[in-house]
Each structure stands twice: as C-alpha cells, then as structure tokens.
Amino acid sequence: MPYVDGYVVAVPKQNLDAYKALAGVAGPIWKEHGALSYVECIGDDVPYGKLTSFPRAVHAKDDEVVIFSWVTYDSRESRDAIVARVMEDPRLSEEKWQSVFDGKRMIYGGFQSFLEL
C-alpha cells in the first residue's frame, strides 16, 4: 500500500488561479521524480469549526480558500528520496510559491496506509 503525504494550506481567493498554475507545474515535477500520484483539491464544504477544522488548522482568513492535497509513493524510503529531489529542483524554488500562499501556515505530514478498499 502506498505511503501518503498530506498537505493543507490557505490560499487567498485572488491567488487561486496562480495556485492552480503552480500546482500544474508541481504535479508533473513530483511525478517526474517518482511520485505515484499527485492530487490537489479546493475546499468546497469545509466549515469553520468551534474547536477544530481545516480552516482553523491553517488560520484561514475570510478571503482565503482551503486547499487539501496529497502525494503518494511506493514507500516511506522512496518518499524521502523523492521529496529531497523535489526540494532541490529549481523549477519549484521558494520564490515561485511564496507570493501565492503563506507557507508558514501550511500543515503537512506523512502517513502509512493501512486500509484501501
């Protein structure tokens, strides 16, 4: 079963087209370096919870939309190697994304799959 990296980020609505363009560049680069899949989703039903929620997790503002993304890999080991290569790839330099969203509010993590139906 695949290893999965999950990401949640708040993107200003005015930057949504720029984010989509960036994702259109990033996905193929991730796959070129060995990822099995790359998925980006725009929040459509993500209510602001009283205690916890996706918007709370990334401190989303009223003029921002929540993006949920994931990337899959063969294993944790291959993920570590792929992410290292992606982070060094000049096509995804920090300057390319830092004007599109606030990376300090991004949450992410790696997960071992245990069930797939």
N, C-alpha and C. Protein backbone atom coordinates (compact mmCIF):
# COMPACT_ATOMS: atom_id res chain seq x y z
N MET A 1 0.84 -1.17 0.00
CA MET A 1 0.00 0.00 0.00
C MET A 1 0.88 1.24 0.00
N PRO A 2 0.40 2.32 -0.61
CA PRO A 2 1.25 3.50 -0.78
C PRO A 2 1.50 4.25 0.52
N TYR A 3 2.60 4.99 0.52
CA TYR A 3 2.88 5.97 1.56
C TYR A 3 2.30 7.29 1.07
N VAL A 4 1.69 8.07 1.97
CA VAL A 4 0.96 9.27 1.56
C VAL A 4 1.47 10.49 2.33
N ASP A 5 1.76 11.57 1.60
CA ASP A 5 2.00 12.88 2.21
C ASP A 5 0.74 13.68 2.03
N GLY A 6 0.24 14.30 3.11
CA GLY A 6 -0.94 15.14 3.04
C GLY A 6 -0.58 16.58 3.37
N TYR A 7 -1.24 17.51 2.71
CA TYR A 7 -0.98 18.94 2.87
C TYR A 7 -2.29 19.70 2.97
N VAL A 8 -2.33 20.72 3.82
CA VAL A 8 -3.46 21.64 3.89
C VAL A 8 -2.87 23.04 3.94
N VAL A 9 -3.40 23.93 3.10
CA VAL A 9 -2.88 25.29 3.02
C VAL A 9 -4.04 26.25 2.74
N ALA A 10 -3.92 27.47 3.22
CA ALA A 10 -4.90 28.52 2.93
C ALA A 10 -4.36 29.37 1.79
N VAL A 11 -5.18 29.58 0.77
CA VAL A 11 -4.77 30.37 -0.39
C VAL A 11 -5.74 31.54 -0.55
N PRO A 12 -5.23 32.77 -0.65
CA PRO A 12 -6.12 33.89 -0.91
C PRO A 12 -6.91 33.64 -2.20
N LYS A 13 -8.21 33.92 -2.15
CA LYS A 13 -9.05 33.68 -3.33
C LYS A 13 -8.52 34.40 -4.56
N GLN A 14 -7.92 35.57 -4.37
CA GLN A 14 -7.37 36.31 -5.50
C GLN A 14 -6.16 35.60 -6.11
N ASN A 15 -5.55 34.66 -5.38
CA ASN A 15 -4.38 33.93 -5.88
C ASN A 15 -4.71 32.53 -6.36
N LEU A 16 -5.99 32.19 -6.41
CA LEU A 16 -6.38 30.82 -6.75
C LEU A 16 -5.90 30.41 -8.14
N ASP A 17 -6.02 31.27 -9.12
CA ASP A 17 -5.53 30.93 -10.47
C ASP A 17 -4.03 30.72 -10.47
N ALA A 18 -3.30 31.55 -9.72
CA ALA A 18 -1.84 31.39 -9.62
C ALA A 18 -1.50 30.07 -8.92
N TYR A 19 -2.28 29.71 -7.89
CA TYR A 19 -2.05 28.44 -7.21
C TYR A 19 -2.29 27.27 -8.15
N LYS A 20 -3.37 27.33 -8.91
CA LYS A 20 -3.66 26.26 -9.87
C LYS A 20 -2.54 26.13 -10.89
N ALA A 21 -2.01 27.25 -11.35
CA ALA A 21 -0.90 27.22 -12.31
C ALA A 21 0.34 26.60 -11.66
N LEU A 22 0.61 26.97 -10.42
CA LEU A 22 1.75 26.40 -9.70
C LEU A 22 1.58 24.90 -9.51
N ALA A 23 0.38 24.47 -9.15
CA ALA A 23 0.11 23.04 -8.98
C ALA A 23 0.28 22.30 -10.31
N GLY A 24 -0.10 22.96 -11.40
CA GLY A 24 0.07 22.36 -12.73
C GLY A 24 1.52 22.15 -13.10
N VAL A 25 2.41 22.93 -12.50
CA VAL A 25 3.85 22.75 -12.70
C VAL A 25 4.39 21.73 -11.70
N ALA A 26 3.95 21.85 -10.44
CA ALA A 26 4.48 21.00 -9.37
C ALA A 26 4.14 19.53 -9.54
N GLY A 27 2.90 19.23 -9.90
CA GLY A 27 2.48 17.83 -10.02
C GLY A 27 3.35 17.02 -10.97
N PRO A 28 3.56 17.49 -12.20
CA PRO A 28 4.42 16.74 -13.10
C PRO A 28 5.87 16.61 -12.60
N ILE A 29 6.35 17.61 -11.88
CA ILE A 29 7.72 17.53 -11.33
C ILE A 29 7.76 16.44 -10.27
N TRP A 30 6.75 16.41 -9.38
CA TRP A 30 6.69 15.37 -8.35
C TRP A 30 6.68 13.99 -9.00
N LYS A 31 5.87 13.84 -10.03
CA LYS A 31 5.78 12.54 -10.70
C LYS A 31 7.07 12.21 -11.45
N GLU A 32 7.68 13.22 -12.06
CA GLU A 32 8.96 13.01 -12.75
C GLU A 32 10.02 12.46 -11.80
N HIS A 33 9.95 12.91 -10.54
CA HIS A 33 10.93 12.45 -9.55
C HIS A 33 10.53 11.13 -8.89
N GLY A 34 9.34 10.58 -9.25
CA GLY A 34 8.99 9.24 -8.79
C GLY A 34 7.71 9.09 -8.00
N ALA A 35 6.97 10.16 -7.74
CA ALA A 35 5.70 10.02 -7.02
C ALA A 35 4.72 9.21 -7.86
N LEU A 36 3.88 8.44 -7.19
CA LEU A 36 2.87 7.64 -7.89
C LEU A 36 1.69 8.48 -8.34
N SER A 37 1.27 9.43 -7.47
CA SER A 37 0.14 10.30 -7.81
C SER A 37 0.31 11.63 -7.10
N TYR A 38 -0.41 12.63 -7.61
CA TYR A 38 -0.37 13.98 -7.07
C TYR A 38 -1.77 14.55 -7.23
N VAL A 39 -2.41 14.94 -6.11
CA VAL A 39 -3.80 15.39 -6.15
C VAL A 39 -3.92 16.73 -5.40
N GLU A 40 -4.65 17.67 -6.00
CA GLU A 40 -4.93 18.98 -5.39
C GLU A 40 -6.45 19.16 -5.36
N CYS A 41 -6.98 19.61 -4.22
CA CYS A 41 -8.42 19.80 -4.06
C CYS A 41 -8.71 21.16 -3.44
N ILE A 42 -9.73 21.83 -3.96
CA ILE A 42 -10.17 23.12 -3.43
C ILE A 42 -11.31 22.87 -2.46
N GLY A 43 -11.21 23.45 -1.28
CA GLY A 43 -12.26 23.29 -0.27
C GLY A 43 -13.61 23.76 -0.77
N ASP A 44 -14.60 22.90 -0.66
CA ASP A 44 -15.95 23.19 -1.13
C ASP A 44 -16.94 23.12 0.03
N ASP A 45 -16.65 22.28 1.01
CA ASP A 45 -17.51 22.11 2.18
C ASP A 45 -16.60 21.93 3.39
N VAL A 46 -15.97 23.01 3.81
CA VAL A 46 -15.03 22.98 4.94
C VAL A 46 -15.43 24.04 5.97
N PRO A 47 -16.45 23.73 6.76
CA PRO A 47 -16.94 24.72 7.73
C PRO A 47 -15.89 25.05 8.79
N TYR A 48 -16.00 26.26 9.30
CA TYR A 48 -15.13 26.72 10.38
C TYR A 48 -15.66 26.14 11.68
N GLY A 49 -14.94 25.20 12.24
CA GLY A 49 -15.41 24.50 13.44
C GLY A 49 -15.24 25.32 14.71
N LYS A 50 -15.99 24.92 15.74
CA LYS A 50 -15.89 25.61 17.03
C LYS A 50 -14.57 25.31 17.73
N LEU A 51 -14.06 24.11 17.55
CA LEU A 51 -12.82 23.72 18.22
C LEU A 51 -11.72 23.40 17.21
N THR A 52 -12.04 22.56 16.21
CA THR A 52 -11.06 22.18 15.20
C THR A 52 -11.72 22.18 13.83
N SER A 53 -10.92 22.39 12.81
CA SER A 53 -11.40 22.33 11.43
C SER A 53 -10.22 22.60 10.51
N PHE A 54 -10.39 22.32 9.24
CA PHE A 54 -9.35 22.65 8.27
C PHE A 54 -9.05 24.15 8.27
N PRO A 55 -10.07 25.02 8.21
CA PRO A 55 -9.76 26.46 8.22
C PRO A 55 -9.01 26.90 9.48
N ARG A 56 -9.41 26.36 10.64
CA ARG A 56 -8.72 26.71 11.88
C ARG A 56 -7.27 26.23 11.84
N ALA A 57 -7.05 25.05 11.31
CA ALA A 57 -5.71 24.47 11.31
C ALA A 57 -4.70 25.34 10.56
N VAL A 58 -5.16 26.01 9.50
CA VAL A 58 -4.24 26.84 8.69
C VAL A 58 -4.51 28.33 8.88
N HIS A 59 -5.31 28.67 9.91
CA HIS A 59 -5.64 30.07 10.20
C HIS A 59 -6.17 30.78 8.97
N ALA A 60 -7.10 30.12 8.26
CA ALA A 60 -7.68 30.69 7.04
C ALA A 60 -8.46 31.95 7.37
N LYS A 61 -8.27 32.95 6.53
CA LYS A 61 -8.99 34.22 6.67
C LYS A 61 -10.24 34.18 5.80
N ASP A 62 -11.12 35.15 5.98
CA ASP A 62 -12.38 35.18 5.23
C ASP A 62 -12.17 35.21 3.72
N ASP A 63 -11.07 35.79 3.27
CA ASP A 63 -10.81 35.91 1.83
C ASP A 63 -9.92 34.79 1.30
N GLU A 64 -9.84 33.69 2.04
CA GLU A 64 -8.99 32.56 1.64
C GLU A 64 -9.81 31.29 1.47
N VAL A 65 -9.29 30.40 0.65
CA VAL A 65 -9.90 29.08 0.43
C VAL A 65 -8.89 28.04 0.92
N VAL A 66 -9.42 26.94 1.46
CA VAL A 66 -8.56 25.86 1.94
C VAL A 66 -8.28 24.89 0.80
N ILE A 67 -7.01 24.54 0.65
CA ILE A 67 -6.58 23.55 -0.34
C ILE A 67 -6.10 22.32 0.43
N PHE A 68 -6.57 21.15 0.00
CA PHE A 68 -6.15 19.87 0.57
C PHE A 68 -5.49 19.09 -0.55
N SER A 69 -4.28 18.62 -0.31
CA SER A 69 -3.51 17.93 -1.35
C SER A 69 -2.87 16.68 -0.77
N TRP A 70 -2.59 15.73 -1.67
CA TRP A 70 -1.81 14.58 -1.25
C TRP A 70 -0.99 14.05 -2.40
N VAL A 71 0.11 13.41 -2.02
CA VAL A 71 1.04 12.80 -2.96
C VAL A 71 1.27 11.37 -2.45
N THR A 72 1.29 10.40 -3.37
CA THR A 72 1.53 9.02 -2.95
C THR A 72 2.85 8.51 -3.50
N TYR A 73 3.42 7.57 -2.76
CA TYR A 73 4.73 6.99 -3.06
C TYR A 73 4.70 5.49 -2.81
N ASP A 74 5.68 4.78 -3.33
CA ASP A 74 5.79 3.34 -3.08
C ASP A 74 6.03 3.02 -1.61
N SER A 75 6.81 3.86 -0.93
CA SER A 75 7.21 3.59 0.45
C SER A 75 7.71 4.87 1.10
N ARG A 76 7.91 4.81 2.39
CA ARG A 76 8.48 5.96 3.12
C ARG A 76 9.88 6.26 2.60
N GLU A 77 10.64 5.22 2.31
CA GLU A 77 12.01 5.41 1.82
C GLU A 77 12.02 6.13 0.47
N SER A 78 11.14 5.69 -0.43
CA SER A 78 11.10 6.36 -1.73
C SER A 78 10.57 7.79 -1.57
N ARG A 79 9.63 7.99 -0.67
CA ARG A 79 9.13 9.35 -0.41
C ARG A 79 10.25 10.26 0.05
N ASP A 80 11.06 9.79 0.99
CA ASP A 80 12.16 10.63 1.49
C ASP A 80 13.11 11.03 0.36
N ALA A 81 13.43 10.09 -0.51
CA ALA A 81 14.34 10.37 -1.63
C ALA A 81 13.68 11.32 -2.65
N ILE A 82 12.42 11.08 -2.94
CA ILE A 82 11.70 11.91 -3.93
C ILE A 82 11.56 13.34 -3.41
N VAL A 83 11.15 13.50 -2.16
CA VAL A 83 10.99 14.84 -1.60
C VAL A 83 12.33 15.58 -1.60
N ALA A 84 13.40 14.90 -1.29
CA ALA A 84 14.72 15.54 -1.32
C ALA A 84 15.04 16.06 -2.72
N ARG A 85 14.73 15.26 -3.74
CA ARG A 85 14.98 15.71 -5.12
C ARG A 85 14.06 16.87 -5.50
N VAL A 86 12.81 16.79 -5.11
CA VAL A 86 11.86 17.87 -5.43
C VAL A 86 12.29 19.17 -4.77
N MET A 87 12.71 19.10 -3.52
CA MET A 87 13.12 20.31 -2.80
C MET A 87 14.35 20.96 -3.43
N GLU A 88 15.16 20.20 -4.12
CA GLU A 88 16.34 20.73 -4.80
C GLU A 88 16.05 21.17 -6.23
N ASP A 89 14.88 20.84 -6.75
CA ASP A 89 14.55 21.15 -8.13
C ASP A 89 14.31 22.66 -8.28
N PRO A 90 15.09 23.34 -9.10
CA PRO A 90 14.95 24.80 -9.23
C PRO A 90 13.62 25.24 -9.82
N ARG A 91 12.90 24.33 -10.46
CA ARG A 91 11.59 24.69 -11.02
C ARG A 91 10.55 24.94 -9.94
N LEU A 92 10.85 24.51 -8.70
CA LEU A 92 9.93 24.72 -7.58
C LEU A 92 10.58 25.53 -6.47
N SER A 93 11.38 26.49 -6.82
CA SER A 93 12.06 27.31 -5.83
C SER A 93 11.04 28.07 -4.97
N GLU A 94 11.48 28.44 -3.78
CA GLU A 94 10.59 29.13 -2.83
C GLU A 94 9.99 30.40 -3.43
N GLU A 95 10.74 31.08 -4.25
CA GLU A 95 10.23 32.32 -4.86
C GLU A 95 9.00 32.06 -5.72
N LYS A 96 8.89 30.85 -6.26
CA LYS A 96 7.76 30.53 -7.15
C LYS A 96 6.45 30.44 -6.40
N TRP A 97 6.49 30.04 -5.12
CA TRP A 97 5.24 29.83 -4.40
C TRP A 97 5.01 30.81 -3.27
N GLN A 98 6.04 31.48 -2.78
CA GLN A 98 5.85 32.32 -1.60
C GLN A 98 4.93 33.51 -1.82
N SER A 99 4.75 33.94 -3.06
CA SER A 99 3.81 35.04 -3.30
C SER A 99 2.38 34.52 -3.53
N VAL A 100 2.22 33.20 -3.59
CA VAL A 100 0.90 32.61 -3.85
C VAL A 100 0.18 32.23 -2.55
N PHE A 101 0.92 31.72 -1.56
CA PHE A 101 0.33 31.37 -0.27
C PHE A 101 1.39 31.48 0.82
N ASP A 102 0.94 31.51 2.07
CA ASP A 102 1.82 31.63 3.23
C ASP A 102 2.23 30.24 3.69
N GLY A 103 3.44 29.83 3.34
CA GLY A 103 3.93 28.50 3.69
C GLY A 103 4.05 28.27 5.18
N LYS A 104 4.11 29.32 5.98
CA LYS A 104 4.21 29.16 7.43
C LYS A 104 2.92 28.59 8.02
N ARG A 105 1.81 28.74 7.29
CA ARG A 105 0.53 28.23 7.79
C ARG A 105 0.16 26.88 7.17
N MET A 106 1.04 26.33 6.35
CA MET A 106 0.77 25.03 5.75
C MET A 106 0.98 23.94 6.80
N ILE A 107 0.07 22.97 6.82
CA ILE A 107 0.31 21.80 7.66
C ILE A 107 0.51 20.61 6.73
N TYR A 108 1.36 19.68 7.13
CA TYR A 108 1.65 18.53 6.29
C TYR A 108 2.16 17.39 7.15
N GLY A 109 2.11 16.21 6.59
CA GLY A 109 2.63 15.06 7.30
C GLY A 109 2.62 13.84 6.41
N GLY A 110 3.41 12.85 6.81
CA GLY A 110 3.48 11.59 6.08
C GLY A 110 2.70 10.52 6.81
N PHE A 111 2.02 9.67 6.03
CA PHE A 111 1.13 8.66 6.60
C PHE A 111 1.33 7.30 5.95
N GLN A 112 1.34 6.27 6.78
CA GLN A 112 1.39 4.91 6.27
C GLN A 112 -0.04 4.43 6.03
N SER A 113 -0.31 3.97 4.85
CA SER A 113 -1.63 3.41 4.55
C SER A 113 -1.81 2.11 5.32
N PHE A 114 -3.02 1.87 5.82
CA PHE A 114 -3.30 0.60 6.46
C PHE A 114 -4.56 -0.06 5.93
N LEU A 115 -5.37 0.70 5.16
CA LEU A 115 -6.58 0.12 4.58
C LEU A 115 -6.90 0.84 3.30
N GLU A 116 -7.18 0.08 2.26
CA GLU A 116 -7.60 0.65 0.99
C GLU A 116 -8.66 -0.26 0.41
N LEU A 117 -9.84 0.28 0.17
CA LEU A 117 -10.95 -0.54 -0.33
C LEU A 117 -11.26 -0.20 -1.78
